[in-house]
Amino acid sequence: MVSAFGSTDTPTTNGYDPVTLATTMAQWVIDWGLDGIDVDWEDFAAMNLQNGQAEYWLISFTETLRSMLPAGQYLITHAPVAPWFSGDLYPTGAYVIVNENAGYAIDWYNLQFYNQGATEYANCTTLIDTSTTTWPHTAIFQINFDGEVPLDKLVIGKPAAPSDATNGYMDTSLLATCVQQAMSQGWSGGVMTWEYPDAAAPWIAAVRADSWPV
C-alpha cells in the first residue's frame, strides 16, 4: 500500500480538487500494482474551520478512490486522529459524517491515539472504554457506539517508542493488556504503529502476545 498526505500536507486548505487528486492517486496505485492506499489526511486547518468543507472534501476524495479501486480488489484505509470522531467537538461532524457518507468505501480506520496530549489515551480505560473530557466520546467503544463505526474497522494506533511521537506512547506490556481487554469485549480491529524500525518484529510480537500470540 501507499500512504497519501501526512502531517505536513494540507490538500484541502491548498485548494486541491478532491476528485482530480483522487483520480491521479488511484491510477498510480493501479499502474504500480499496489494493494491500495491509506489516506493519512491531517489538514487540521481545514477541519478546524468547521464549515463542512473538510468533510465534503474527504467524502468526495474517498468515493472517487473507491470508484476506481473496487472493493475486494483494493484496500482503502484512513488514518484520522481519534478526536475527529467527537461529535461534541465538531458540530459539522468531522469523521462521523465522513463515515456516515463514505464509510462503505473505507476498509478500516488507523486511529491515531497519540499526539493528542500527554494524559490522553494513556491507559486502557481512556483508550478503550471512556475517553477524557478533553476529547469526549473518542475511545474505541465510544466511536463504535456514538459514531456507528463497526468494531472491526477500528484499529488502535500507537507510537512504537517515546521518540516516535510527541506523546501517547504506551510500553508494549500495557498496550498488550489494553488490546487483550478490548478483544475480550468483542473488538477485533488490530493495531497499527508508527514507526519503523522501532516497530519491528519484536514490538509486534510483544503487543499481540496476550491476544494474537505468535
N, C-alpha and C. Protein backbone atom coordinates (compact mmCIF):
# COMPACT_ATOMS: atom_id res chain seq x y z
N MET A 1 0.83 -1.20 0.00
CA MET A 1 0.00 0.00 0.00
C MET A 1 0.87 1.25 0.00
N VAL A 2 0.25 2.34 -0.41
CA VAL A 2 0.92 3.63 -0.36
C VAL A 2 0.15 4.52 0.60
N SER A 3 0.87 5.41 1.28
CA SER A 3 0.23 6.36 2.19
C SER A 3 0.19 7.73 1.53
N ALA A 4 -0.96 8.38 1.60
CA ALA A 4 -1.13 9.70 0.99
C ALA A 4 -1.18 10.79 2.05
N PHE A 5 -0.57 11.92 1.75
CA PHE A 5 -0.58 13.13 2.57
C PHE A 5 0.34 13.02 3.78
N GLY A 6 -0.16 13.14 5.01
CA GLY A 6 0.70 13.17 6.19
C GLY A 6 0.63 14.51 6.89
N SER A 7 1.43 14.65 7.92
CA SER A 7 1.30 15.79 8.83
C SER A 7 1.70 17.13 8.21
N THR A 8 2.47 17.11 7.14
CA THR A 8 2.93 18.37 6.54
C THR A 8 2.19 18.74 5.27
N ASP A 9 1.19 17.95 4.90
CA ASP A 9 0.46 18.18 3.64
C ASP A 9 -0.95 18.66 3.96
N THR A 10 -1.38 19.73 3.31
CA THR A 10 -2.71 20.30 3.57
C THR A 10 -3.47 20.47 2.25
N PRO A 11 -3.91 19.39 1.66
CA PRO A 11 -4.50 19.46 0.32
C PRO A 11 -5.81 20.23 0.25
N THR A 12 -6.61 20.15 1.30
CA THR A 12 -7.89 20.86 1.29
C THR A 12 -7.67 22.36 1.44
N THR A 13 -6.84 22.74 2.40
CA THR A 13 -6.51 24.15 2.59
C THR A 13 -5.87 24.74 1.35
N ASN A 14 -5.06 23.94 0.66
CA ASN A 14 -4.35 24.43 -0.52
C ASN A 14 -5.20 24.42 -1.78
N GLY A 15 -6.44 23.98 -1.67
CA GLY A 15 -7.37 24.11 -2.79
C GLY A 15 -7.30 23.02 -3.84
N TYR A 16 -6.71 21.88 -3.51
CA TYR A 16 -6.68 20.79 -4.49
C TYR A 16 -8.08 20.20 -4.67
N ASP A 17 -8.44 19.93 -5.90
CA ASP A 17 -9.74 19.33 -6.18
C ASP A 17 -9.71 17.86 -5.76
N PRO A 18 -10.65 17.43 -4.91
CA PRO A 18 -10.58 16.05 -4.40
C PRO A 18 -10.78 14.99 -5.47
N VAL A 19 -11.63 15.25 -6.44
CA VAL A 19 -11.89 14.26 -7.49
C VAL A 19 -10.68 14.11 -8.40
N THR A 20 -10.11 15.22 -8.81
CA THR A 20 -8.93 15.17 -9.68
C THR A 20 -7.76 14.50 -8.98
N LEU A 21 -7.54 14.87 -7.72
CA LEU A 21 -6.41 14.31 -6.97
C LEU A 21 -6.60 12.83 -6.71
N ALA A 22 -7.81 12.44 -6.34
CA ALA A 22 -8.08 11.01 -6.09
C ALA A 22 -7.93 10.19 -7.36
N THR A 23 -8.35 10.75 -8.48
CA THR A 23 -8.22 10.05 -9.76
C THR A 23 -6.75 9.79 -10.08
N THR A 24 -5.92 10.81 -9.88
CA THR A 24 -4.49 10.67 -10.13
C THR A 24 -3.87 9.62 -9.22
N MET A 25 -4.22 9.67 -7.93
CA MET A 25 -3.63 8.73 -6.97
C MET A 25 -4.11 7.31 -7.21
N ALA A 26 -5.39 7.15 -7.51
CA ALA A 26 -5.91 5.81 -7.77
C ALA A 26 -5.24 5.19 -9.00
N GLN A 27 -5.04 6.00 -10.02
CA GLN A 27 -4.39 5.49 -11.23
C GLN A 27 -2.96 5.08 -10.93
N TRP A 28 -2.30 5.82 -10.05
CA TRP A 28 -0.92 5.48 -9.66
C TRP A 28 -0.89 4.13 -8.94
N VAL A 29 -1.87 3.89 -8.06
CA VAL A 29 -1.98 2.60 -7.37
C VAL A 29 -2.16 1.47 -8.38
N ILE A 30 -3.03 1.69 -9.35
CA ILE A 30 -3.28 0.68 -10.38
C ILE A 30 -2.03 0.43 -11.22
N ASP A 31 -1.40 1.51 -11.65
CA ASP A 31 -0.24 1.39 -12.54
C ASP A 31 0.92 0.63 -11.89
N TRP A 32 1.08 0.81 -10.58
CA TRP A 32 2.19 0.19 -9.88
C TRP A 32 1.81 -1.12 -9.19
N GLY A 33 0.59 -1.57 -9.39
CA GLY A 33 0.18 -2.87 -8.87
C GLY A 33 0.17 -2.96 -7.36
N LEU A 34 -0.21 -1.87 -6.69
CA LEU A 34 -0.23 -1.86 -5.23
C LEU A 34 -1.54 -2.43 -4.69
N ASP A 35 -1.54 -2.73 -3.39
CA ASP A 35 -2.73 -3.30 -2.75
C ASP A 35 -3.79 -2.26 -2.46
N GLY A 36 -3.38 -0.99 -2.38
CA GLY A 36 -4.35 0.05 -2.07
C GLY A 36 -3.68 1.31 -1.56
N ILE A 37 -4.45 2.12 -0.82
CA ILE A 37 -3.97 3.42 -0.38
C ILE A 37 -4.50 3.73 1.02
N ASP A 38 -3.63 4.28 1.85
CA ASP A 38 -4.02 4.75 3.17
C ASP A 38 -4.09 6.27 3.13
N VAL A 39 -5.23 6.82 3.50
CA VAL A 39 -5.45 8.27 3.43
C VAL A 39 -5.09 8.87 4.79
N ASP A 40 -3.87 9.37 4.88
CA ASP A 40 -3.38 9.98 6.12
C ASP A 40 -3.58 11.50 6.03
N TRP A 41 -4.83 11.89 5.93
CA TRP A 41 -5.21 13.31 5.78
C TRP A 41 -5.13 13.98 7.14
N GLU A 42 -4.26 14.99 7.28
CA GLU A 42 -4.08 15.67 8.56
C GLU A 42 -4.15 17.19 8.38
N ASP A 43 -5.12 17.62 7.61
CA ASP A 43 -5.30 19.05 7.33
C ASP A 43 -6.12 19.68 8.46
N PHE A 44 -5.46 19.93 9.58
CA PHE A 44 -6.14 20.45 10.77
C PHE A 44 -6.78 21.81 10.51
N ALA A 45 -6.11 22.64 9.73
CA ALA A 45 -6.65 23.98 9.45
C ALA A 45 -8.01 23.87 8.78
N ALA A 46 -8.13 22.96 7.83
CA ALA A 46 -9.41 22.78 7.13
C ALA A 46 -10.48 22.22 8.06
N MET A 47 -10.12 21.21 8.85
CA MET A 47 -11.11 20.60 9.74
C MET A 47 -11.57 21.58 10.81
N ASN A 48 -10.63 22.38 11.31
CA ASN A 48 -10.97 23.30 12.41
C ASN A 48 -11.84 24.47 11.97
N LEU A 49 -11.97 24.70 10.68
CA LEU A 49 -12.89 25.74 10.20
C LEU A 49 -14.34 25.38 10.52
N GLN A 50 -14.61 24.08 10.58
CA GLN A 50 -15.95 23.58 10.91
C GLN A 50 -17.04 24.22 10.03
N ASN A 51 -16.74 24.25 8.75
CA ASN A 51 -17.73 24.79 7.81
C ASN A 51 -18.26 23.71 6.87
N GLY A 52 -17.86 22.46 7.13
CA GLY A 52 -18.34 21.34 6.32
C GLY A 52 -17.51 21.04 5.09
N GLN A 53 -16.60 21.94 4.74
CA GLN A 53 -15.82 21.73 3.51
C GLN A 53 -14.81 20.59 3.65
N ALA A 54 -14.23 20.44 4.83
CA ALA A 54 -13.28 19.34 5.03
C ALA A 54 -13.97 18.00 4.87
N GLU A 55 -15.14 17.89 5.47
CA GLU A 55 -15.90 16.64 5.36
C GLU A 55 -16.28 16.36 3.91
N TYR A 56 -16.77 17.38 3.22
CA TYR A 56 -17.14 17.22 1.81
C TYR A 56 -15.93 16.77 0.99
N TRP A 57 -14.78 17.39 1.25
CA TRP A 57 -13.56 17.06 0.51
C TRP A 57 -13.19 15.59 0.72
N LEU A 58 -13.19 15.16 1.98
CA LEU A 58 -12.82 13.78 2.29
C LEU A 58 -13.79 12.77 1.71
N ILE A 59 -15.07 13.09 1.76
CA ILE A 59 -16.07 12.18 1.19
C ILE A 59 -15.89 12.06 -0.32
N SER A 60 -15.73 13.17 -0.99
CA SER A 60 -15.55 13.16 -2.45
C SER A 60 -14.27 12.43 -2.83
N PHE A 61 -13.20 12.70 -2.11
CA PHE A 61 -11.91 12.05 -2.37
C PHE A 61 -12.03 10.54 -2.22
N THR A 62 -12.66 10.10 -1.13
CA THR A 62 -12.77 8.67 -0.84
C THR A 62 -13.66 7.96 -1.84
N GLU A 63 -14.79 8.56 -2.16
CA GLU A 63 -15.70 7.92 -3.11
C GLU A 63 -15.08 7.83 -4.50
N THR A 64 -14.29 8.81 -4.87
CA THR A 64 -13.61 8.74 -6.16
C THR A 64 -12.57 7.63 -6.17
N LEU A 65 -11.81 7.52 -5.08
CA LEU A 65 -10.86 6.42 -4.97
C LEU A 65 -11.56 5.07 -5.15
N ARG A 66 -12.67 4.90 -4.43
CA ARG A 66 -13.35 3.60 -4.48
C ARG A 66 -13.95 3.32 -5.85
N SER A 67 -14.36 4.36 -6.55
CA SER A 67 -14.92 4.15 -7.89
C SER A 67 -13.89 3.58 -8.85
N MET A 68 -12.61 3.85 -8.57
CA MET A 68 -11.54 3.35 -9.43
C MET A 68 -10.82 2.14 -8.84
N LEU A 69 -10.97 1.96 -7.52
CA LEU A 69 -10.29 0.86 -6.83
C LEU A 69 -11.36 -0.03 -6.18
N PRO A 70 -11.91 -0.98 -6.90
CA PRO A 70 -13.06 -1.75 -6.42
C PRO A 70 -12.77 -2.50 -5.11
N ALA A 71 -13.78 -2.54 -4.25
CA ALA A 71 -13.68 -3.30 -3.01
C ALA A 71 -13.46 -4.77 -3.33
N GLY A 72 -12.62 -5.41 -2.53
CA GLY A 72 -12.28 -6.80 -2.79
C GLY A 72 -11.05 -6.95 -3.64
N GLN A 73 -10.73 -5.91 -4.40
CA GLN A 73 -9.51 -5.91 -5.21
C GLN A 73 -8.45 -4.98 -4.64
N TYR A 74 -8.92 -3.89 -4.01
CA TYR A 74 -8.01 -2.90 -3.45
C TYR A 74 -8.48 -2.48 -2.06
N LEU A 75 -7.51 -2.12 -1.23
CA LEU A 75 -7.81 -1.62 0.11
C LEU A 75 -7.78 -0.09 0.11
N ILE A 76 -8.74 0.50 0.82
CA ILE A 76 -8.72 1.93 1.09
C ILE A 76 -8.89 2.09 2.59
N THR A 77 -7.91 2.69 3.24
CA THR A 77 -7.98 2.93 4.67
C THR A 77 -7.77 4.41 4.94
N HIS A 78 -8.18 4.85 6.13
CA HIS A 78 -7.94 6.23 6.56
C HIS A 78 -7.20 6.21 7.89
N ALA A 79 -6.46 7.26 8.17
CA ALA A 79 -5.69 7.35 9.42
C ALA A 79 -5.98 8.65 10.15
N PRO A 80 -7.22 8.85 10.59
CA PRO A 80 -7.56 10.10 11.28
C PRO A 80 -7.07 10.12 12.72
N VAL A 81 -6.90 11.32 13.27
CA VAL A 81 -6.68 11.42 14.71
C VAL A 81 -8.00 11.05 15.39
N ALA A 82 -7.91 10.37 16.51
CA ALA A 82 -9.12 9.89 17.19
C ALA A 82 -10.10 11.01 17.54
N PRO A 83 -9.64 12.20 17.97
CA PRO A 83 -10.60 13.25 18.33
C PRO A 83 -11.54 13.67 17.21
N TRP A 84 -11.20 13.38 15.97
CA TRP A 84 -12.09 13.75 14.88
C TRP A 84 -13.37 12.92 14.85
N PHE A 85 -13.48 11.95 15.74
CA PHE A 85 -14.73 11.21 15.87
C PHE A 85 -15.60 11.75 17.00
N SER A 86 -15.23 12.90 17.55
CA SER A 86 -16.03 13.50 18.61
C SER A 86 -17.09 14.43 18.04
N GLY A 87 -18.33 13.98 18.05
CA GLY A 87 -19.42 14.83 17.58
C GLY A 87 -19.64 16.03 18.47
N ASP A 88 -19.24 15.93 19.75
CA ASP A 88 -19.39 17.05 20.67
C ASP A 88 -18.51 18.22 20.27
N LEU A 89 -17.33 17.94 19.77
CA LEU A 89 -16.36 18.99 19.47
C LEU A 89 -16.45 19.50 18.04
N TYR A 90 -17.02 18.71 17.16
CA TYR A 90 -17.09 19.09 15.74
C TYR A 90 -18.54 19.08 15.28
N PRO A 91 -19.23 20.21 15.40
CA PRO A 91 -20.65 20.27 15.04
C PRO A 91 -20.95 19.89 13.60
N THR A 92 -19.97 20.09 12.70
CA THR A 92 -20.21 19.71 11.30
C THR A 92 -19.94 18.23 11.06
N GLY A 93 -19.53 17.52 12.11
CA GLY A 93 -19.46 16.07 12.01
C GLY A 93 -18.09 15.45 11.93
N ALA A 94 -17.14 16.16 11.32
CA ALA A 94 -15.79 15.61 11.14
C ALA A 94 -15.88 14.17 10.61
N TYR A 95 -15.17 13.24 11.24
CA TYR A 95 -15.14 11.88 10.69
C TYR A 95 -16.41 11.08 10.94
N VAL A 96 -17.26 11.54 11.83
CA VAL A 96 -18.56 10.88 11.99
C VAL A 96 -19.35 11.00 10.69
N ILE A 97 -19.31 12.19 10.09
CA ILE A 97 -20.01 12.42 8.82
C ILE A 97 -19.29 11.74 7.66
N VAL A 98 -17.97 11.75 7.70
CA VAL A 98 -17.22 11.04 6.65
C VAL A 98 -17.60 9.56 6.66
N ASN A 99 -17.64 8.97 7.84
CA ASN A 99 -18.00 7.56 7.93
C ASN A 99 -19.45 7.32 7.51
N GLU A 100 -20.33 8.23 7.90
CA GLU A 100 -21.74 8.08 7.56
C GLU A 100 -21.96 8.07 6.05
N ASN A 101 -21.18 8.88 5.33
CA ASN A 101 -21.38 9.02 3.89
C ASN A 101 -20.44 8.19 3.04
N ALA A 102 -19.24 7.94 3.53
CA ALA A 102 -18.25 7.23 2.72
C ALA A 102 -17.66 6.02 3.43
N GLY A 103 -18.21 5.68 4.59
CA GLY A 103 -17.69 4.54 5.33
C GLY A 103 -17.75 3.23 4.56
N TYR A 104 -18.73 3.12 3.67
CA TYR A 104 -18.84 1.91 2.85
C TYR A 104 -17.60 1.70 1.99
N ALA A 105 -16.89 2.79 1.70
CA ALA A 105 -15.72 2.74 0.81
C ALA A 105 -14.41 2.58 1.57
N ILE A 106 -14.48 2.59 2.90
CA ILE A 106 -13.28 2.55 3.74
C ILE A 106 -13.19 1.19 4.42
N ASP A 107 -12.07 0.50 4.24
CA ASP A 107 -11.92 -0.83 4.81
C ASP A 107 -11.69 -0.79 6.31
N TRP A 108 -10.89 0.15 6.77
CA TRP A 108 -10.72 0.34 8.21
C TRP A 108 -10.08 1.69 8.49
N TYR A 109 -10.10 2.07 9.78
CA TYR A 109 -9.52 3.33 10.24
C TYR A 109 -8.31 3.06 11.12
N ASN A 110 -7.15 3.56 10.72
CA ASN A 110 -5.94 3.51 11.54
C ASN A 110 -5.96 4.71 12.48
N LEU A 111 -6.58 4.56 13.62
CA LEU A 111 -6.83 5.69 14.51
C LEU A 111 -5.56 6.13 15.24
N GLN A 112 -5.25 7.40 15.14
CA GLN A 112 -4.06 7.94 15.80
C GLN A 112 -4.41 8.34 17.24
N PHE A 113 -4.11 7.44 18.16
CA PHE A 113 -4.31 7.71 19.59
C PHE A 113 -3.01 8.24 20.19
N TYR A 114 -2.42 9.21 19.54
CA TYR A 114 -1.18 9.82 20.02
C TYR A 114 -1.09 11.25 19.50
N ASN A 115 -0.19 12.03 20.11
CA ASN A 115 -0.04 13.45 19.79
C ASN A 115 -1.30 14.25 20.09
N GLN A 116 -2.07 13.79 21.07
CA GLN A 116 -3.31 14.48 21.44
C GLN A 116 -3.29 15.00 22.87
N GLY A 117 -2.11 15.02 23.49
CA GLY A 117 -1.98 15.49 24.86
C GLY A 117 -1.32 14.44 25.73
N ALA A 118 -0.53 14.88 26.69
CA ALA A 118 0.28 13.97 27.50
C ALA A 118 -0.55 12.99 28.31
N THR A 119 -1.78 13.36 28.67
CA THR A 119 -2.60 12.49 29.50
C THR A 119 -3.74 11.82 28.73
N GLU A 120 -3.75 11.98 27.42
CA GLU A 120 -4.86 11.45 26.62
C GLU A 120 -4.55 10.04 26.10
N TYR A 121 -5.55 9.16 26.21
CA TYR A 121 -5.44 7.77 25.74
C TYR A 121 -4.21 7.10 26.35
N ALA A 122 -3.97 7.41 27.64
CA ALA A 122 -2.74 6.97 28.30
C ALA A 122 -2.91 5.67 29.09
N ASN A 123 -4.14 5.19 29.23
CA ASN A 123 -4.38 3.94 29.93
C ASN A 123 -5.49 3.17 29.21
N CYS A 124 -5.74 1.96 29.65
CA CYS A 124 -6.71 1.12 28.94
C CYS A 124 -8.12 1.69 28.99
N THR A 125 -8.48 2.31 30.09
CA THR A 125 -9.83 2.85 30.21
C THR A 125 -10.09 3.96 29.20
N THR A 126 -9.18 4.93 29.13
CA THR A 126 -9.40 6.07 28.23
C THR A 126 -9.15 5.71 26.78
N LEU A 127 -8.40 4.67 26.54
CA LEU A 127 -8.16 4.22 25.17
C LEU A 127 -9.32 3.38 24.65
N ILE A 128 -9.87 2.54 25.50
CA ILE A 128 -10.85 1.56 25.04
C ILE A 128 -12.30 1.94 25.37
N ASP A 129 -12.54 2.35 26.61
CA ASP A 129 -13.92 2.48 27.07
C ASP A 129 -14.45 3.91 27.14
N THR A 130 -13.76 4.80 27.84
CA THR A 130 -14.27 6.15 28.07
C THR A 130 -13.12 7.15 28.01
N SER A 131 -13.09 7.96 26.98
CA SER A 131 -12.04 8.96 26.85
C SER A 131 -12.26 10.10 27.84
N THR A 132 -11.27 10.96 27.99
CA THR A 132 -11.40 12.09 28.90
C THR A 132 -12.30 13.16 28.29
N THR A 133 -12.61 14.17 29.10
CA THR A 133 -13.46 15.26 28.62
C THR A 133 -12.74 16.17 27.64
N THR A 134 -11.43 16.02 27.52
CA THR A 134 -10.69 16.80 26.52
C THR A 134 -11.13 16.42 25.12
N TRP A 135 -11.22 15.12 24.88
CA TRP A 135 -11.67 14.58 23.59
C TRP A 135 -12.82 13.61 23.87
N PRO A 136 -14.00 14.11 24.18
CA PRO A 136 -15.10 13.23 24.62
C PRO A 136 -15.58 12.26 23.54
N HIS A 137 -15.95 11.08 24.01
CA HIS A 137 -16.58 10.06 23.17
C HIS A 137 -15.67 9.59 22.03
N THR A 138 -14.37 9.44 22.34
CA THR A 138 -13.45 9.01 21.28
C THR A 138 -12.61 7.80 21.67
N ALA A 139 -12.97 7.10 22.73
CA ALA A 139 -12.36 5.79 22.99
C ALA A 139 -12.94 4.79 21.99
N ILE A 140 -12.31 3.65 21.86
CA ILE A 140 -12.70 2.67 20.85
C ILE A 140 -14.20 2.35 20.89
N PHE A 141 -14.71 1.96 22.05
CA PHE A 141 -16.11 1.54 22.11
C PHE A 141 -17.07 2.72 22.02
N GLN A 142 -16.61 3.92 22.33
CA GLN A 142 -17.45 5.11 22.14
C GLN A 142 -17.56 5.46 20.66
N ILE A 143 -16.46 5.35 19.93
CA ILE A 143 -16.52 5.59 18.48
C ILE A 143 -17.44 4.56 17.82
N ASN A 144 -17.34 3.34 18.29
CA ASN A 144 -18.22 2.29 17.78
C ASN A 144 -19.69 2.61 18.04
N PHE A 145 -20.01 3.02 19.26
CA PHE A 145 -21.41 3.25 19.63
C PHE A 145 -21.93 4.59 19.12
N ASP A 146 -21.21 5.67 19.42
CA ASP A 146 -21.69 7.01 19.05
C ASP A 146 -21.51 7.30 17.57
N GLY A 147 -20.39 6.85 17.02
CA GLY A 147 -20.11 7.11 15.61
C GLY A 147 -20.63 6.05 14.67
N GLU A 148 -21.15 4.96 15.25
CA GLU A 148 -21.70 3.85 14.47
C GLU A 148 -20.68 3.28 13.48
N VAL A 149 -19.45 3.12 13.99
CA VAL A 149 -18.39 2.52 13.18
C VAL A 149 -18.19 1.09 13.66
N PRO A 150 -18.23 0.10 12.77
CA PRO A 150 -18.05 -1.29 13.19
C PRO A 150 -16.72 -1.49 13.93
N LEU A 151 -16.75 -2.31 14.96
CA LEU A 151 -15.55 -2.55 15.76
C LEU A 151 -14.39 -3.09 14.94
N ASP A 152 -14.69 -3.90 13.94
CA ASP A 152 -13.60 -4.49 13.16
C ASP A 152 -12.96 -3.49 12.20
N LYS A 153 -13.50 -2.27 12.15
CA LYS A 153 -12.88 -1.21 11.34
C LYS A 153 -12.04 -0.25 12.18
N LEU A 154 -12.02 -0.45 13.49
CA LEU A 154 -11.33 0.48 14.38
C LEU A 154 -9.99 -0.11 14.82
N VAL A 155 -8.92 0.41 14.27
CA VAL A 155 -7.57 -0.07 14.54
C VAL A 155 -6.89 0.90 15.52
N ILE A 156 -6.32 0.36 16.58
CA ILE A 156 -5.64 1.17 17.58
C ILE A 156 -4.26 1.55 17.06
N GLY A 157 -3.99 2.86 16.98
CA GLY A 157 -2.69 3.34 16.54
C GLY A 157 -1.91 3.93 17.69
N LYS A 158 -0.68 3.46 17.89
CA LYS A 158 0.19 3.95 18.96
C LYS A 158 1.63 4.03 18.46
N PRO A 159 2.42 4.98 18.98
CA PRO A 159 3.83 5.05 18.60
C PRO A 159 4.61 3.87 19.18
N ALA A 160 5.63 3.44 18.45
CA ALA A 160 6.42 2.29 18.88
C ALA A 160 7.45 2.64 19.95
N ALA A 161 7.82 3.90 20.02
CA ALA A 161 8.80 4.36 21.01
C ALA A 161 8.45 5.79 21.41
N PRO A 162 8.88 6.23 22.59
CA PRO A 162 8.58 7.60 23.01
C PRO A 162 9.03 8.65 22.01
N SER A 163 10.12 8.39 21.32
CA SER A 163 10.67 9.36 20.36
C SER A 163 9.89 9.40 19.05
N ASP A 164 8.96 8.47 18.86
CA ASP A 164 8.20 8.42 17.61
C ASP A 164 6.98 9.33 17.61
N ALA A 165 6.69 9.96 18.74
CA ALA A 165 5.55 10.87 18.82
C ALA A 165 5.81 11.87 19.94
N THR A 166 5.07 12.96 19.93
CA THR A 166 5.19 13.94 21.00
C THR A 166 4.68 13.38 22.31
N ASN A 167 3.58 12.65 22.24
CA ASN A 167 3.02 11.98 23.42
C ASN A 167 2.10 10.86 22.95
N GLY A 168 1.59 10.10 23.91
CA GLY A 168 0.69 9.00 23.57
C GLY A 168 1.33 7.63 23.60
N TYR A 169 2.63 7.57 23.93
CA TYR A 169 3.32 6.29 23.95
C TYR A 169 2.83 5.42 25.10
N MET A 170 2.67 4.12 24.83
CA MET A 170 2.43 3.09 25.84
C MET A 170 3.51 2.04 25.69
N ASP A 171 4.05 1.53 26.80
CA ASP A 171 5.00 0.44 26.65
C ASP A 171 4.25 -0.80 26.16
N THR A 172 4.99 -1.73 25.60
CA THR A 172 4.36 -2.88 24.94
C THR A 172 3.54 -3.73 25.91
N SER A 173 3.97 -3.80 27.16
CA SER A 173 3.23 -4.60 28.13
C SER A 173 1.85 -4.02 28.40
N LEU A 174 1.79 -2.71 28.61
CA LEU A 174 0.49 -2.06 28.85
C LEU A 174 -0.38 -2.11 27.61
N LEU A 175 0.20 -1.84 26.46
CA LEU A 175 -0.59 -1.87 25.23
C LEU A 175 -1.13 -3.27 24.97
N ALA A 176 -0.32 -4.30 25.23
CA ALA A 176 -0.79 -5.67 25.06
C ALA A 176 -1.97 -5.97 25.97
N THR A 177 -1.93 -5.43 27.19
CA THR A 177 -3.04 -5.61 28.12
C THR A 177 -4.30 -4.94 27.60
N CYS A 178 -4.16 -3.72 27.09
CA CYS A 178 -5.31 -2.99 26.54
C CYS A 178 -5.91 -3.72 25.35
N VAL A 179 -5.05 -4.21 24.49
CA VAL A 179 -5.51 -4.94 23.30
C VAL A 179 -6.29 -6.19 23.72
N GLN A 180 -5.77 -6.90 24.71
CA GLN A 180 -6.46 -8.10 25.18
C GLN A 180 -7.81 -7.76 25.81
N GLN A 181 -7.86 -6.66 26.57
CA GLN A 181 -9.12 -6.25 27.18
C GLN A 181 -10.16 -5.90 26.11
N ALA A 182 -9.73 -5.15 25.11
CA ALA A 182 -10.65 -4.79 24.03
C ALA A 182 -11.14 -6.03 23.29
N MET A 183 -10.23 -6.94 23.05
CA MET A 183 -10.59 -8.17 22.35
C MET A 183 -11.61 -8.97 23.15
N SER A 184 -11.45 -9.01 24.47
CA SER A 184 -12.38 -9.76 25.32
C SER A 184 -13.77 -9.15 25.32
N GLN A 185 -13.88 -7.88 24.89
CA GLN A 185 -15.16 -7.18 24.83
C GLN A 185 -15.77 -7.19 23.43
N GLY A 186 -15.13 -7.92 22.51
CA GLY A 186 -15.71 -8.08 21.19
C GLY A 186 -15.04 -7.31 20.07
N TRP A 187 -13.99 -6.57 20.40
CA TRP A 187 -13.27 -5.81 19.37
C TRP A 187 -12.25 -6.71 18.69
N SER A 188 -12.00 -6.48 17.40
CA SER A 188 -11.03 -7.31 16.68
C SER A 188 -10.30 -6.51 15.60
N GLY A 189 -10.22 -5.19 15.80
CA GLY A 189 -9.68 -4.34 14.74
C GLY A 189 -8.19 -4.45 14.50
N GLY A 190 -7.42 -4.75 15.54
CA GLY A 190 -5.98 -4.84 15.38
C GLY A 190 -5.26 -3.57 15.78
N VAL A 191 -3.97 -3.53 15.53
CA VAL A 191 -3.11 -2.43 15.98
C VAL A 191 -2.25 -1.95 14.83
N MET A 192 -2.08 -0.65 14.73
CA MET A 192 -1.08 -0.09 13.82
C MET A 192 -0.11 0.74 14.65
N THR A 193 1.08 0.95 14.12
CA THR A 193 2.07 1.69 14.87
C THR A 193 2.90 2.58 13.97
N TRP A 194 3.52 3.56 14.60
CA TRP A 194 4.43 4.49 13.95
C TRP A 194 5.68 4.53 14.81
N GLU A 195 6.86 4.19 14.45
CA GLU A 195 7.22 3.92 13.09
C GLU A 195 8.38 2.95 13.05
N TYR A 196 8.65 2.38 11.88
CA TYR A 196 9.79 1.51 11.66
C TYR A 196 11.07 2.36 11.69
N PRO A 197 12.18 1.87 12.28
CA PRO A 197 12.44 0.49 12.71
C PRO A 197 12.08 0.18 14.16
N ASP A 198 11.60 1.17 14.92
CA ASP A 198 11.19 0.85 16.29
C ASP A 198 10.08 -0.18 16.30
N ALA A 199 9.20 -0.10 15.32
CA ALA A 199 8.08 -1.03 15.23
C ALA A 199 8.45 -2.24 14.37
N ALA A 200 9.47 -2.94 14.80
CA ALA A 200 9.90 -4.14 14.09
C ALA A 200 9.26 -5.38 14.72
N ALA A 201 9.70 -6.55 14.31
CA ALA A 201 9.07 -7.80 14.74
C ALA A 201 8.97 -7.97 16.25
N PRO A 202 10.00 -7.61 17.03
CA PRO A 202 9.87 -7.78 18.49
C PRO A 202 8.75 -6.94 19.09
N TRP A 203 8.57 -5.71 18.60
CA TRP A 203 7.49 -4.86 19.09
C TRP A 203 6.13 -5.49 18.76
N ILE A 204 5.99 -5.94 17.54
CA ILE A 204 4.73 -6.55 17.10
C ILE A 204 4.40 -7.78 17.93
N ALA A 205 5.39 -8.65 18.14
CA ALA A 205 5.16 -9.87 18.91
C ALA A 205 4.75 -9.55 20.34
N ALA A 206 5.37 -8.53 20.93
CA ALA A 206 5.07 -8.17 22.32
C ALA A 206 3.65 -7.62 22.46
N VAL A 207 3.23 -6.79 21.51
CA VAL A 207 1.91 -6.17 21.60
C VAL A 207 0.79 -7.18 21.38
N ARG A 208 1.01 -8.15 20.55
CA ARG A 208 -0.04 -9.14 20.28
C ARG A 208 0.05 -10.36 21.18
N ALA A 209 0.98 -10.36 22.12
CA ALA A 209 1.26 -11.55 22.92
C ALA A 209 0.05 -12.06 23.70
N ASP A 210 -0.79 -11.15 24.21
CA ASP A 210 -1.92 -11.56 25.04
C ASP A 210 -3.20 -11.80 24.25
N SER A 211 -3.19 -11.49 22.96
CA SER A 211 -4.42 -11.57 22.18
C SER A 211 -4.27 -12.44 20.93
N TRP A 212 -3.28 -12.13 20.11
CA TRP A 212 -3.00 -12.92 18.91
C TRP A 212 -1.54 -13.37 18.96
N PRO A 213 -1.19 -14.26 19.88
CA PRO A 213 0.23 -14.63 20.05
C PRO A 213 0.79 -15.33 18.82
N VAL A 214 2.09 -15.10 18.60
CA VAL A 214 2.78 -15.76 17.50
C VAL A 214 3.98 -16.51 18.06
